[in-house]
């Protein structure tokens, strides 16, 4: 069964206790609410570089055609000040909706959220280049591609003739991310990444930590 995903950027009230309460909610009542509605908590991320200090990301997966992420976070109440959401469809990865914090998934490290805006006709080539590059990339570095998703197009996307994608990648640390920028370390992947760059109108990346439990 194919799944849809919902990527919610949340802004929290100040203080560590707000983070603690939201985390407990997501792994407790929030996860139960998702399950009751045919979904699950795929991942909860706290900020590192590029996010505001009070920004987090909640990713949920849904077997139905209507993501219901708001129901998952609703019980957090006043600790969540605002929410913005993007509906995502998986491309080559993930192949299922197993949560990123599951025991069989890599633990620790950082997760980089990189958004790409590409010319819509180039979408298929962009995805194909990505999959081909991953073959050597994951062997060359302590890194795993968690997912490459296509964002549901907005009216502005359609007017501009673009597609937006989210690449979610785990790296052992920021040093490993920096090492992966070195062309000489993996020339085969680099050639594909350079072609992918030619198809890209703009891109932005932010790093985060995956929360594994309440």
Foldseek 3Di string as FASTA:
>chain_A
DFKKKKKKKWFFDDDPVLVVLQQQLLQPVLQVQQVVQAKGWQFKWAFDPPDPNRIIITMMMHPDPDDDNCSSRVVSPRRTDDMDMWMKGFDPDDPDRHHCLDPVHDAAAKKKKKKFKFQQVCVVVLVVLVVVLVVVLVVLFVKDWHTKIWTDDDPVCVVVRITMIITIMGHNYVVRVVVSVDCVSRVVNVVSVVVSVVRTPDMDMGMTHIDNHD
